[in-house]
Amino acid sequence: MGQAFIIVAVSAVFSFSYNVIRDNGLPLIAEKIIVEGGQSAADSLLAETTIIFQPVMIDLAIAKEFYDRGVLFIDARDDHEYREGHIAGARLAPANPGEILRWTTADDPVVTYCSGGECDLSMNLSMNLMGEDWGFARVFVFDGGLPEWIAAGYPVE
């Protein structure tokens, strides 16, 4: 048992060391990547042939393009914040994320958002939606959230 542990530990040290010195080594910490762009990026992301394995962060331009195409927006903030103002037509995230299936299918794209900046509510909701329990295939997170949407002068309720 002790020898097996030593072999595994030494192997792990060599593996991590090799990964660090490689030019194209794998990152050990996930990076926050926001997809930027206009219509062509939106077209690619919404294509049914596009396979997404985790929520995709999108910028304001893509969020607006999705909005104009009728993609469902889900506000991940609490009920009080939602009632104070939200993206026009957006739905408040229900306590049970599966209830979103009343408004759309798991195959349709969905955009989640919250207060932008350091707010993690939209990412947490997105991860939950794409998890095994709900199986949503295309979930996007609008990184700028409601503040950026309002600053751009886009529709709010």
C-alpha atoms as a PDB file:
ATOM      1  CA  MET A   1       0.000   0.000   0.000  1.00  0.00           C
ATOM      2  CA  GLY A   2       2.813   2.400   0.924  1.00  0.00           C
ATOM      3  CA  GLN A   3       4.719   1.690  -2.293  1.00  0.00           C
ATOM      4  CA  ALA A   4       1.629   2.315  -4.409  1.00  0.00           C
ATOM      5  CA  PHE A   5       1.148   5.716  -2.762  1.00  0.00           C
ATOM      6  CA  ILE A   6       4.784   6.657  -3.435  1.00  0.00           C
ATOM      7  CA  ILE A   7       4.497   5.601  -7.082  1.00  0.00           C
ATOM      8  CA  VAL A   8       1.300   7.633  -7.537  1.00  0.00           C
ATOM      9  CA  ALA A   9       2.804  10.676  -5.781  1.00  0.00           C
ATOM     10  CA  VAL A  10       6.008  10.597  -7.856  1.00  0.00           C
ATOM     11  CA  SER A  11       3.974  10.150 -11.050  1.00  0.00           C
ATOM     12  CA  ALA A  12       1.787  13.133 -10.163  1.00  0.00           C
ATOM     13  CA  VAL A  13       4.830  15.342  -9.495  1.00  0.00           C
ATOM     14  CA  PHE A  14       6.392  14.399 -12.842  1.00  0.00           C
ATOM     15  CA  SER A  15       3.093  14.901 -14.687  1.00  0.00           C
ATOM     16  CA  PHE A  16       2.452  18.353 -13.236  1.00  0.00           C
ATOM     17  CA  SER A  17       6.084  19.371 -13.804  1.00  0.00           C
ATOM     18  CA  TYR A  18       5.970  18.273 -17.432  1.00  0.00           C
ATOM     19  CA  ASN A  19       2.673  20.118 -17.945  1.00  0.00           C
ATOM     20  CA  VAL A  20       4.171  23.342 -16.540  1.00  0.00           C
ATOM     21  CA  ILE A  21       7.253  23.317 -18.801  1.00  0.00           C
ATOM     22  CA  ARG A  22       5.349  22.465 -21.994  1.00  0.00           C
ATOM     23  CA  ASP A  23       4.607  25.393 -24.323  1.00  0.00           C
ATOM     24  CA  ASN A  24       1.019  24.261 -24.745  1.00  0.00           C
ATOM     25  CA  GLY A  25       0.428  22.785 -21.278  1.00  0.00           C
ATOM     26  CA  LEU A  26      -3.064  22.575 -19.874  1.00  0.00           C
ATOM     27  CA  PRO A  27      -4.076  25.368 -17.491  1.00  0.00           C
ATOM     28  CA  LEU A  28      -4.408  24.170 -13.906  1.00  0.00           C
ATOM     29  CA  ILE A  29      -6.968  26.865 -13.102  1.00  0.00           C
ATOM     30  CA  ALA A  30      -9.935  27.516 -15.391  1.00  0.00           C
ATOM     31  CA  GLU A  31      -9.882  30.882 -17.091  1.00  0.00           C
ATOM     32  CA  LYS A  32     -12.919  33.120 -17.469  1.00  0.00           C
ATOM     33  CA  ILE A  33     -13.324  33.532 -21.210  1.00  0.00           C
ATOM     34  CA  ILE A  34     -15.947  35.847 -22.624  1.00  0.00           C
ATOM     35  CA  VAL A  35     -16.966  35.339 -26.229  1.00  0.00           C
ATOM     36  CA  GLU A  36     -16.993  38.710 -27.922  1.00  0.00           C
ATOM     37  CA  GLY A  37     -18.285  39.699 -31.274  1.00  0.00           C
ATOM     38  CA  GLY A  38     -21.297  40.541 -33.265  1.00  0.00           C
ATOM     39  CA  GLN A  39     -23.680  38.738 -35.523  1.00  0.00           C
ATOM     40  CA  SER A  40     -21.328  36.057 -36.867  1.00  0.00           C
ATOM     41  CA  ALA A  41     -20.396  34.953 -33.341  1.00  0.00           C
ATOM     42  CA  ALA A  42     -24.078  34.875 -32.373  1.00  0.00           C
ATOM     43  CA  ASP A  43     -24.883  32.811 -35.465  1.00  0.00           C
ATOM     44  CA  SER A  44     -22.175  30.293 -34.589  1.00  0.00           C
ATOM     45  CA  LEU A  45     -23.233  30.008 -30.958  1.00  0.00           C
ATOM     46  CA  LEU A  46     -26.907  29.546 -31.822  1.00  0.00           C
ATOM     47  CA  ALA A  47     -26.299  26.999 -34.574  1.00  0.00           C
ATOM     48  CA  GLU A  48     -27.861  23.655 -33.687  1.00  0.00           C
ATOM     49  CA  THR A  49     -24.633  21.960 -34.746  1.00  0.00           C
ATOM     50  CA  THR A  50     -22.658  23.854 -32.091  1.00  0.00           C
ATOM     51  CA  ILE A  51     -21.929  21.617 -29.122  1.00  0.00           C
ATOM     52  CA  ILE A  52     -21.366  23.313 -25.780  1.00  0.00           C
ATOM     53  CA  PHE A  53     -20.038  21.436 -22.761  1.00  0.00           C
ATOM     54  CA  GLN A  54     -20.238  24.255 -20.217  1.00  0.00           C
ATOM     55  CA  PRO A  55     -21.931  27.652 -19.985  1.00  0.00           C
ATOM     56  CA  VAL A  56     -20.457  30.233 -22.355  1.00  0.00           C
ATOM     57  CA  MET A  57     -19.832  33.793 -21.179  1.00  0.00           C
ATOM     58  CA  ILE A  58     -21.083  36.345 -23.715  1.00  0.00           C
ATOM     59  CA  ASP A  59     -20.617  40.082 -24.078  1.00  0.00           C
ATOM     60  CA  LEU A  60     -23.229  42.812 -24.555  1.00  0.00           C
ATOM     61  CA  ALA A  61     -23.233  42.645 -28.378  1.00  0.00           C
ATOM     62  CA  ILE A  62     -23.993  38.927 -28.430  1.00  0.00           C
ATOM     63  CA  ALA A  63     -26.521  39.245 -25.592  1.00  0.00           C
ATOM     64  CA  LYS A  64     -28.409  41.905 -27.575  1.00  0.00           C
ATOM     65  CA  GLU A  65     -28.302  39.778 -30.714  1.00  0.00           C
ATOM     66  CA  PHE A  66     -29.721  36.816 -28.762  1.00  0.00           C
ATOM     67  CA  TYR A  67     -32.384  39.087 -27.243  1.00  0.00           C
ATOM     68  CA  ASP A  68     -33.397  40.355 -30.683  1.00  0.00           C
ATOM     69  CA  ARG A  69     -33.740  36.746 -31.853  1.00  0.00           C
ATOM     70  CA  GLY A  70     -36.098  35.898 -29.001  1.00  0.00           C
ATOM     71  CA  VAL A  71     -33.762  33.802 -26.854  1.00  0.00           C
ATOM     72  CA  LEU A  72     -35.127  33.352 -23.323  1.00  0.00           C
ATOM     73  CA  PHE A  73     -33.354  35.466 -20.672  1.00  0.00           C
ATOM     74  CA  ILE A  74     -33.414  34.256 -17.055  1.00  0.00           C
ATOM     75  CA  ASP A  75     -32.707  36.706 -14.219  1.00  0.00           C
ATOM     76  CA  ALA A  76     -30.747  34.867 -11.526  1.00  0.00           C
ATOM     77  CA  ARG A  77     -31.151  37.617  -8.914  1.00  0.00           C
ATOM     78  CA  ASP A  78     -33.691  37.491  -6.100  1.00  0.00           C
ATOM     79  CA  ASP A  79     -37.366  38.414  -6.387  1.00  0.00           C
ATOM     80  CA  HIS A  80     -36.898  41.863  -4.814  1.00  0.00           C
ATOM     81  CA  GLU A  81     -34.161  42.857  -7.291  1.00  0.00           C
ATOM     82  CA  TYR A  82     -36.167  41.439 -10.184  1.00  0.00           C
ATOM     83  CA  ARG A  83     -39.215  43.543  -9.251  1.00  0.00           C
ATOM     84  CA  GLU A  84     -37.020  46.667  -9.068  1.00  0.00           C
ATOM     85  CA  GLY A  85     -36.085  46.170 -12.725  1.00  0.00           C
ATOM     86  CA  HIS A  86     -35.015  43.510 -15.190  1.00  0.00           C
ATOM     87  CA  ILE A  87     -34.319  42.984 -18.873  1.00  0.00           C
ATOM     88  CA  ALA A  88     -37.639  43.338 -20.696  1.00  0.00           C
ATOM     89  CA  GLY A  89     -39.245  39.934 -21.146  1.00  0.00           C
ATOM     90  CA  ALA A  90     -36.787  38.151 -18.844  1.00  0.00           C
ATOM     91  CA  ARG A  91     -38.141  35.567 -16.437  1.00  0.00           C
ATOM     92  CA  LEU A  92     -37.186  35.331 -12.786  1.00  0.00           C
ATOM     93  CA  ALA A  93     -35.248  32.152 -12.082  1.00  0.00           C
ATOM     94  CA  PRO A  94     -37.572  29.788 -10.202  1.00  0.00           C
ATOM     95  CA  ALA A  95     -36.498  28.064  -6.987  1.00  0.00           C
ATOM     96  CA  ASN A  96     -36.507  24.799  -8.937  1.00  0.00           C
ATOM     97  CA  PRO A  97     -34.516  25.336 -12.168  1.00  0.00           C
ATOM     98  CA  GLY A  98     -36.478  22.535 -13.820  1.00  0.00           C
ATOM     99  CA  GLU A  99     -39.496  24.835 -13.896  1.00  0.00           C
ATOM    100  CA  ILE A 100     -37.749  26.757 -16.688  1.00  0.00           C
ATOM    101  CA  LEU A 101     -38.950  23.895 -18.884  1.00  0.00           C
ATOM    102  CA  ARG A 102     -42.428  25.469 -18.675  1.00  0.00           C
ATOM    103  CA  TRP A 103     -41.100  28.321 -20.840  1.00  0.00           C
ATOM    104  CA  THR A 104     -38.709  26.527 -23.186  1.00  0.00           C
ATOM    105  CA  THR A 105     -37.112  23.167 -23.950  1.00  0.00           C
ATOM    106  CA  ALA A 106     -33.722  21.917 -22.792  1.00  0.00           C
ATOM    107  CA  ASP A 107     -32.527  22.092 -26.408  1.00  0.00           C
ATOM    108  CA  ASP A 108     -33.330  25.791 -26.839  1.00  0.00           C
ATOM    109  CA  PRO A 109     -30.682  28.387 -25.963  1.00  0.00           C
ATOM    110  CA  VAL A 110     -31.055  30.249 -22.664  1.00  0.00           C
ATOM    111  CA  VAL A 111     -29.215  33.327 -21.368  1.00  0.00           C
ATOM    112  CA  THR A 112     -28.766  33.865 -17.644  1.00  0.00           C
ATOM    113  CA  TYR A 113     -27.713  37.138 -16.071  1.00  0.00           C
ATOM    114  CA  CYS A 114     -27.469  38.867 -12.706  1.00  0.00           C
ATOM    115  CA  SER A 115     -25.873  42.089 -11.469  1.00  0.00           C
ATOM    116  CA  GLY A 116     -22.666  41.736 -13.503  1.00  0.00           C
ATOM    117  CA  GLY A 117     -19.177  42.177 -12.116  1.00  0.00           C
ATOM    118  CA  GLU A 118     -18.510  39.781  -9.272  1.00  0.00           C
ATOM    119  CA  CYS A 119     -22.049  38.339  -9.222  1.00  0.00           C
ATOM    120  CA  ASP A 120     -21.885  34.540  -9.563  1.00  0.00           C
ATOM    121  CA  LEU A 121     -25.624  33.842  -9.428  1.00  0.00           C
ATOM    122  CA  SER A 122     -25.995  33.592 -13.212  1.00  0.00           C
ATOM    123  CA  MET A 123     -23.012  31.248 -13.559  1.00  0.00           C
ATOM    124  CA  ASN A 124     -24.265  29.058 -10.708  1.00  0.00           C
ATOM    125  CA  LEU A 125     -27.704  28.844 -12.330  1.00  0.00           C
ATOM    126  CA  SER A 126     -26.141  28.065 -15.713  1.00  0.00           C
ATOM    127  CA  MET A 127     -24.012  25.268 -14.293  1.00  0.00           C
ATOM    128  CA  ASN A 128     -27.111  23.851 -12.603  1.00  0.00           C
ATOM    129  CA  LEU A 129     -29.107  24.001 -15.853  1.00  0.00           C
ATOM    130  CA  MET A 130     -26.371  22.223 -17.814  1.00  0.00           C
ATOM    131  CA  GLY A 131     -25.899  19.598 -15.101  1.00  0.00           C
ATOM    132  CA  GLU A 132     -27.213  16.068 -15.207  1.00  0.00           C
ATOM    133  CA  ASP A 133     -30.473  16.949 -13.459  1.00  0.00           C
ATOM    134  CA  TRP A 134     -31.765  19.332 -16.135  1.00  0.00           C
ATOM    135  CA  GLY A 135     -29.578  18.690 -19.186  1.00  0.00           C
ATOM    136  CA  PHE A 136     -29.891  22.045 -20.941  1.00  0.00           C
ATOM    137  CA  ALA A 137     -27.679  21.958 -24.027  1.00  0.00           C
ATOM    138  CA  ARG A 138     -26.963  25.638 -24.735  1.00  0.00           C
ATOM    139  CA  VAL A 139     -26.740  27.993 -21.774  1.00  0.00           C
ATOM    140  CA  PHE A 140     -25.055  31.384 -22.006  1.00  0.00           C
ATOM    141  CA  VAL A 141     -24.103  33.826 -19.253  1.00  0.00           C
ATOM    142  CA  PHE A 142     -24.349  37.551 -19.995  1.00  0.00           C
ATOM    143  CA  ASP A 143     -21.299  38.736 -18.090  1.00  0.00           C
ATOM    144  CA  GLY A 144     -22.200  42.441 -17.975  1.00  0.00           C
ATOM    145  CA  GLY A 145     -25.561  41.731 -16.405  1.00  0.00           C
ATOM    146  CA  LEU A 146     -28.337  44.225 -15.886  1.00  0.00           C
ATOM    147  CA  PRO A 147     -26.062  47.259 -15.222  1.00  0.00           C
ATOM    148  CA  GLU A 148     -24.370  46.971 -18.629  1.00  0.00           C
ATOM    149  CA  TRP A 149     -27.727  46.358 -20.328  1.00  0.00           C
ATOM    150  CA  ILE A 150     -29.201  49.511 -18.753  1.00  0.00           C
ATOM    151  CA  ALA A 151     -26.076  51.567 -19.585  1.00  0.00           C
ATOM    152  CA  ALA A 152     -26.522  50.609 -23.251  1.00  0.00           C
ATOM    153  CA  GLY A 153     -30.106  51.900 -23.165  1.00  0.00           C
ATOM    154  CA  TYR A 154     -31.638  48.525 -23.957  1.00  0.00           C
ATOM    155  CA  PRO A 155     -35.216  47.619 -22.909  1.00  0.00           C
ATOM    156  CA  VAL A 156     -35.944  47.055 -19.231  1.00  0.00           C
ATOM    157  CA  GLU A 157     -39.128  46.576 -17.230  1.00  0.00           C
END
